[in-house]
């Protein structure tokens, strides 16, 4: 009976360990990120439908990265000049940029700012990724209600304060 209980605990422990060590498929993440592009389409309802699907994929990918960061630290990705790991670099970079662009309320939320600040302080994340994401996100006008949060994030993440001047705001209720 003791052997059966021991085997049971070993199986449970092994399965939870394998879940913790699950390898993220950055190539799949990047492939999904680049799906539903509306290049060459003229049907506005199809273009709108594709945009909705793309935004859902951005959120899904972002949540995967955040879950991984909470459990195991920010995913270790190689710099862009490393040809051996382009999927991880572009999968993460595209996800962060697209979330900043389409859901700045999520990207600059207190939870995410605190999490990324901790990851930068622990040297598991480069603030260069965040700079790039904000710069791309600044191509869109952002609700003025987020101005304080964005400026706070730029300070917390020790980014160039000049980045604050690149962001255009619109009045939102």
C-alpha atoms as a PDB file:
ATOM      1  CA  UNK A   1       0.000   0.000   0.000  1.00  0.00           C
ATOM      2  CA  UNK A   2       2.846   2.399   0.860  1.00  0.00           C
ATOM      3  CA  UNK A   3       4.415   1.675  -2.533  1.00  0.00           C
ATOM      4  CA  UNK A   4       1.159   2.515  -4.287  1.00  0.00           C
ATOM      5  CA  UNK A   5       0.892   5.833  -2.432  1.00  0.00           C
ATOM      6  CA  UNK A   6       4.550   6.619  -3.216  1.00  0.00           C
ATOM      7  CA  UNK A   7       4.018   5.879  -6.921  1.00  0.00           C
ATOM      8  CA  UNK A   8       0.914   8.070  -6.913  1.00  0.00           C
ATOM      9  CA  UNK A   9       2.845  11.040  -5.450  1.00  0.00           C
ATOM     10  CA  UNK A  10       5.720  10.541  -7.886  1.00  0.00           C
ATOM     11  CA  UNK A  11       3.275  10.624 -10.813  1.00  0.00           C
ATOM     12  CA  UNK A  12       1.564  13.759  -9.488  1.00  0.00           C
ATOM     13  CA  UNK A  13       4.905  15.472  -8.795  1.00  0.00           C
ATOM     14  CA  UNK A  14       6.279  14.544 -12.223  1.00  0.00           C
ATOM     15  CA  UNK A  15       3.223  15.824 -14.033  1.00  0.00           C
ATOM     16  CA  UNK A  16       3.257  19.162 -12.208  1.00  0.00           C
ATOM     17  CA  UNK A  17       6.986  19.531 -12.865  1.00  0.00           C
ATOM     18  CA  UNK A  18       6.496  18.884 -16.556  1.00  0.00           C
ATOM     19  CA  UNK A  19       3.809  21.567 -16.636  1.00  0.00           C
ATOM     20  CA  UNK A  20       6.177  24.049 -14.997  1.00  0.00           C
ATOM     21  CA  UNK A  21       8.900  23.295 -17.517  1.00  0.00           C
ATOM     22  CA  UNK A  22       6.644  23.517 -20.545  1.00  0.00           C
ATOM     23  CA  UNK A  23       8.590  25.080 -23.391  1.00  0.00           C
ATOM     24  CA  UNK A  24       6.912  28.010 -25.067  1.00  0.00           C
ATOM     25  CA  UNK A  25       6.549  27.679 -28.809  1.00  0.00           C
ATOM     26  CA  UNK A  26       7.594  31.160 -29.905  1.00  0.00           C
ATOM     27  CA  UNK A  27       7.464  30.229 -33.596  1.00  0.00           C
ATOM     28  CA  UNK A  28       3.804  29.265 -33.202  1.00  0.00           C
ATOM     29  CA  UNK A  29       3.207  32.475 -31.242  1.00  0.00           C
ATOM     30  CA  UNK A  30       4.773  34.524 -34.036  1.00  0.00           C
ATOM     31  CA  UNK A  31       2.876  32.617 -36.720  1.00  0.00           C
ATOM     32  CA  UNK A  32      -0.422  33.269 -34.935  1.00  0.00           C
ATOM     33  CA  UNK A  33       0.527  36.929 -34.462  1.00  0.00           C
ATOM     34  CA  UNK A  34       0.950  37.306 -38.212  1.00  0.00           C
ATOM     35  CA  UNK A  35      -2.327  35.584 -39.119  1.00  0.00           C
ATOM     36  CA  UNK A  36      -5.502  37.324 -40.274  1.00  0.00           C
ATOM     37  CA  UNK A  37      -3.649  40.100 -42.041  1.00  0.00           C
ATOM     38  CA  UNK A  38      -6.008  41.957 -44.338  1.00  0.00           C
ATOM     39  CA  UNK A  39      -3.527  42.698 -47.103  1.00  0.00           C
ATOM     40  CA  UNK A  40      -5.311  42.886 -50.436  1.00  0.00           C
ATOM     41  CA  UNK A  41      -8.808  42.706 -48.966  1.00  0.00           C
ATOM     42  CA  UNK A  42     -11.422  45.276 -49.916  1.00  0.00           C
ATOM     43  CA  UNK A  43     -14.418  43.872 -48.014  1.00  0.00           C
ATOM     44  CA  UNK A  44     -14.653  46.116 -44.923  1.00  0.00           C
ATOM     45  CA  UNK A  45     -16.621  43.556 -42.901  1.00  0.00           C
ATOM     46  CA  UNK A  46     -13.889  40.948 -43.533  1.00  0.00           C
ATOM     47  CA  UNK A  47     -11.196  43.463 -42.612  1.00  0.00           C
ATOM     48  CA  UNK A  48     -13.048  44.257 -39.351  1.00  0.00           C
ATOM     49  CA  UNK A  49     -13.481  40.555 -38.621  1.00  0.00           C
ATOM     50  CA  UNK A  50      -9.774  39.915 -39.194  1.00  0.00           C
ATOM     51  CA  UNK A  51      -8.843  42.800 -36.902  1.00  0.00           C
ATOM     52  CA  UNK A  52     -11.000  41.408 -34.102  1.00  0.00           C
ATOM     53  CA  UNK A  53      -9.386  37.979 -34.527  1.00  0.00           C
ATOM     54  CA  UNK A  54      -5.873  39.502 -34.539  1.00  0.00           C
ATOM     55  CA  UNK A  55      -6.556  41.482 -31.350  1.00  0.00           C
ATOM     56  CA  UNK A  56      -7.762  38.307 -29.626  1.00  0.00           C
ATOM     57  CA  UNK A  57      -4.534  36.556 -30.668  1.00  0.00           C
ATOM     58  CA  UNK A  58      -2.454  39.451 -29.310  1.00  0.00           C
ATOM     59  CA  UNK A  59      -4.183  39.126 -25.932  1.00  0.00           C
ATOM     60  CA  UNK A  60      -3.807  35.336 -25.919  1.00  0.00           C
ATOM     61  CA  UNK A  61      -0.072  35.576 -26.682  1.00  0.00           C
ATOM     62  CA  UNK A  62       0.390  38.339 -24.104  1.00  0.00           C
ATOM     63  CA  UNK A  63      -1.332  36.257 -21.437  1.00  0.00           C
ATOM     64  CA  UNK A  64       0.971  33.333 -22.244  1.00  0.00           C
ATOM     65  CA  UNK A  65       4.021  35.561 -21.797  1.00  0.00           C
ATOM     66  CA  UNK A  66       2.666  37.046 -18.558  1.00  0.00           C
ATOM     67  CA  UNK A  67       1.803  33.608 -17.137  1.00  0.00           C
ATOM     68  CA  UNK A  68       5.294  32.379 -17.985  1.00  0.00           C
ATOM     69  CA  UNK A  69       6.842  35.478 -16.436  1.00  0.00           C
ATOM     70  CA  UNK A  70       4.883  35.044 -13.210  1.00  0.00           C
ATOM     71  CA  UNK A  71       5.785  31.339 -12.954  1.00  0.00           C
ATOM     72  CA  UNK A  72       9.378  31.257 -14.212  1.00  0.00           C
ATOM     73  CA  UNK A  73      10.545  34.800 -14.934  1.00  0.00           C
ATOM     74  CA  UNK A  74      10.486  36.652 -18.227  1.00  0.00           C
ATOM     75  CA  UNK A  75      11.270  34.310 -21.141  1.00  0.00           C
ATOM     76  CA  UNK A  76      14.940  34.389 -22.004  1.00  0.00           C
ATOM     77  CA  UNK A  77      15.220  35.548 -25.582  1.00  0.00           C
ATOM     78  CA  UNK A  78      18.256  36.291 -27.664  1.00  0.00           C
ATOM     79  CA  UNK A  79      18.972  39.687 -29.101  1.00  0.00           C
ATOM     80  CA  UNK A  80      17.924  40.292 -32.693  1.00  0.00           C
ATOM     81  CA  UNK A  81      21.436  39.662 -34.049  1.00  0.00           C
ATOM     82  CA  UNK A  82      21.289  36.044 -32.915  1.00  0.00           C
ATOM     83  CA  UNK A  83      20.085  34.069 -35.920  1.00  0.00           C
ATOM     84  CA  UNK A  84      19.637  30.969 -33.782  1.00  0.00           C
ATOM     85  CA  UNK A  85      16.659  32.331 -31.895  1.00  0.00           C
ATOM     86  CA  UNK A  86      14.696  34.664 -34.139  1.00  0.00           C
ATOM     87  CA  UNK A  87      11.316  33.106 -33.267  1.00  0.00           C
ATOM     88  CA  UNK A  88      11.619  33.887 -29.568  1.00  0.00           C
ATOM     89  CA  UNK A  89      12.856  37.427 -30.199  1.00  0.00           C
ATOM     90  CA  UNK A  90      10.188  38.310 -32.755  1.00  0.00           C
ATOM     91  CA  UNK A  91       7.405  36.349 -31.010  1.00  0.00           C
ATOM     92  CA  UNK A  92       7.901  38.298 -27.788  1.00  0.00           C
ATOM     93  CA  UNK A  93       8.706  41.629 -29.460  1.00  0.00           C
ATOM     94  CA  UNK A  94       5.674  41.485 -31.769  1.00  0.00           C
ATOM     95  CA  UNK A  95       3.393  40.490 -28.899  1.00  0.00           C
ATOM     96  CA  UNK A  96       4.539  43.314 -26.625  1.00  0.00           C
ATOM     97  CA  UNK A  97       4.380  45.866 -29.435  1.00  0.00           C
ATOM     98  CA  UNK A  98       0.926  44.787 -30.565  1.00  0.00           C
ATOM     99  CA  UNK A  99      -0.506  44.805 -27.034  1.00  0.00           C
ATOM    100  CA  UNK A 100       0.944  48.250 -26.403  1.00  0.00           C
ATOM    101  CA  UNK A 101      -0.594  49.380 -29.673  1.00  0.00           C
ATOM    102  CA  UNK A 102      -4.039  47.789 -29.326  1.00  0.00           C
ATOM    103  CA  UNK A 103      -4.524  47.451 -25.553  1.00  0.00           C
ATOM    104  CA  UNK A 104      -2.427  50.116 -23.813  1.00  0.00           C
ATOM    105  CA  UNK A 105      -4.789  49.858 -20.832  1.00  0.00           C
ATOM    106  CA  UNK A 106      -3.560  46.288 -20.354  1.00  0.00           C
ATOM    107  CA  UNK A 107       0.108  46.969 -21.170  1.00  0.00           C
ATOM    108  CA  UNK A 108       0.313  49.893 -18.718  1.00  0.00           C
ATOM    109  CA  UNK A 109      -1.842  48.339 -15.992  1.00  0.00           C
ATOM    110  CA  UNK A 110      -0.433  48.482 -12.463  1.00  0.00           C
ATOM    111  CA  UNK A 111       0.017  44.702 -12.413  1.00  0.00           C
ATOM    112  CA  UNK A 112       2.069  44.629 -15.629  1.00  0.00           C
ATOM    113  CA  UNK A 113       4.159  47.700 -14.758  1.00  0.00           C
ATOM    114  CA  UNK A 114       5.068  46.140 -11.393  1.00  0.00           C
ATOM    115  CA  UNK A 115       5.816  42.767 -12.976  1.00  0.00           C
ATOM    116  CA  UNK A 116       8.037  44.194 -15.724  1.00  0.00           C
ATOM    117  CA  UNK A 117       9.783  46.515 -13.246  1.00  0.00           C
ATOM    118  CA  UNK A 118      10.645  43.497 -11.097  1.00  0.00           C
ATOM    119  CA  UNK A 119      11.877  41.555 -14.139  1.00  0.00           C
ATOM    120  CA  UNK A 120      14.098  44.462 -15.233  1.00  0.00           C
ATOM    121  CA  UNK A 121      15.511  44.827 -11.709  1.00  0.00           C
ATOM    122  CA  UNK A 122      16.251  41.096 -11.621  1.00  0.00           C
ATOM    123  CA  UNK A 123      17.996  41.398 -15.029  1.00  0.00           C
ATOM    124  CA  UNK A 124      15.652  38.870 -16.627  1.00  0.00           C
ATOM    125  CA  UNK A 125      14.170  41.430 -19.002  1.00  0.00           C
ATOM    126  CA  UNK A 126      15.700  44.204 -21.070  1.00  0.00           C
ATOM    127  CA  UNK A 127      13.958  47.556 -20.987  1.00  0.00           C
ATOM    128  CA  UNK A 128      14.893  47.850 -24.684  1.00  0.00           C
ATOM    129  CA  UNK A 129      11.928  45.585 -25.481  1.00  0.00           C
ATOM    130  CA  UNK A 130       9.619  47.966 -23.663  1.00  0.00           C
ATOM    131  CA  UNK A 131      11.096  51.009 -25.375  1.00  0.00           C
ATOM    132  CA  UNK A 132      10.461  49.403 -28.763  1.00  0.00           C
ATOM    133  CA  UNK A 133       6.921  48.414 -27.767  1.00  0.00           C
ATOM    134  CA  UNK A 134       6.035  51.906 -26.581  1.00  0.00           C
ATOM    135  CA  UNK A 135       7.560  53.480 -29.657  1.00  0.00           C
ATOM    136  CA  UNK A 136       5.442  51.260 -31.920  1.00  0.00           C
ATOM    137  CA  UNK A 137       2.401  51.763 -29.702  1.00  0.00           C
ATOM    138  CA  UNK A 138       2.840  55.518 -29.967  1.00  0.00           C
ATOM    139  CA  UNK A 139       1.935  55.318 -33.656  1.00  0.00           C
ATOM    140  CA  UNK A 140      -1.687  55.156 -32.475  1.00  0.00           C
ATOM    141  CA  UNK A 141      -3.406  57.846 -30.439  1.00  0.00           C
ATOM    142  CA  UNK A 142      -3.866  56.750 -26.851  1.00  0.00           C
ATOM    143  CA  UNK A 143      -6.616  57.727 -24.424  1.00  0.00           C
ATOM    144  CA  UNK A 144      -5.588  60.698 -22.326  1.00  0.00           C
ATOM    145  CA  UNK A 145      -6.817  58.841 -19.231  1.00  0.00           C
ATOM    146  CA  UNK A 146      -3.718  56.619 -19.530  1.00  0.00           C
ATOM    147  CA  UNK A 147      -1.202  59.464 -19.661  1.00  0.00           C
ATOM    148  CA  UNK A 148      -0.216  59.229 -15.985  1.00  0.00           C
ATOM    149  CA  UNK A 149       0.152  55.434 -16.138  1.00  0.00           C
ATOM    150  CA  UNK A 150       2.274  55.629 -19.291  1.00  0.00           C
ATOM    151  CA  UNK A 151       4.547  58.298 -17.862  1.00  0.00           C
ATOM    152  CA  UNK A 152       4.863  56.322 -14.621  1.00  0.00           C
ATOM    153  CA  UNK A 153       5.802  53.171 -16.567  1.00  0.00           C
ATOM    154  CA  UNK A 154       8.444  55.035 -18.572  1.00  0.00           C
ATOM    155  CA  UNK A 155       9.983  56.257 -15.300  1.00  0.00           C
ATOM    156  CA  UNK A 156       9.701  52.853 -13.562  1.00  0.00           C
ATOM    157  CA  UNK A 157      11.269  51.065 -16.510  1.00  0.00           C
ATOM    158  CA  UNK A 158      14.054  53.673 -16.705  1.00  0.00           C
ATOM    159  CA  UNK A 159      13.349  54.516 -20.322  1.00  0.00           C
ATOM    160  CA  UNK A 160      14.343  57.711 -22.101  1.00  0.00           C
ATOM    161  CA  UNK A 161      11.932  60.404 -20.770  1.00  0.00           C
ATOM    162  CA  UNK A 162      11.841  61.877 -24.299  1.00  0.00           C
ATOM    163  CA  UNK A 163       9.618  58.932 -25.180  1.00  0.00           C
ATOM    164  CA  UNK A 164       6.803  60.707 -23.289  1.00  0.00           C
ATOM    165  CA  UNK A 165       6.779  63.412 -25.969  1.00  0.00           C
ATOM    166  CA  UNK A 166       6.322  60.892 -28.785  1.00  0.00           C
ATOM    167  CA  UNK A 167       2.950  59.689 -27.536  1.00  0.00           C
ATOM    168  CA  UNK A 168      -0.177  61.336 -28.956  1.00  0.00           C
ATOM    169  CA  UNK A 169      -3.303  61.388 -26.858  1.00  0.00           C
ATOM    170  CA  UNK A 170      -6.982  61.641 -27.630  1.00  0.00           C
ATOM    171  CA  UNK A 171      -9.763  62.647 -25.276  1.00  0.00           C
ATOM    172  CA  UNK A 172     -11.624  59.635 -23.946  1.00  0.00           C
ATOM    173  CA  UNK A 173     -14.485  59.432 -21.475  1.00  0.00           C
END
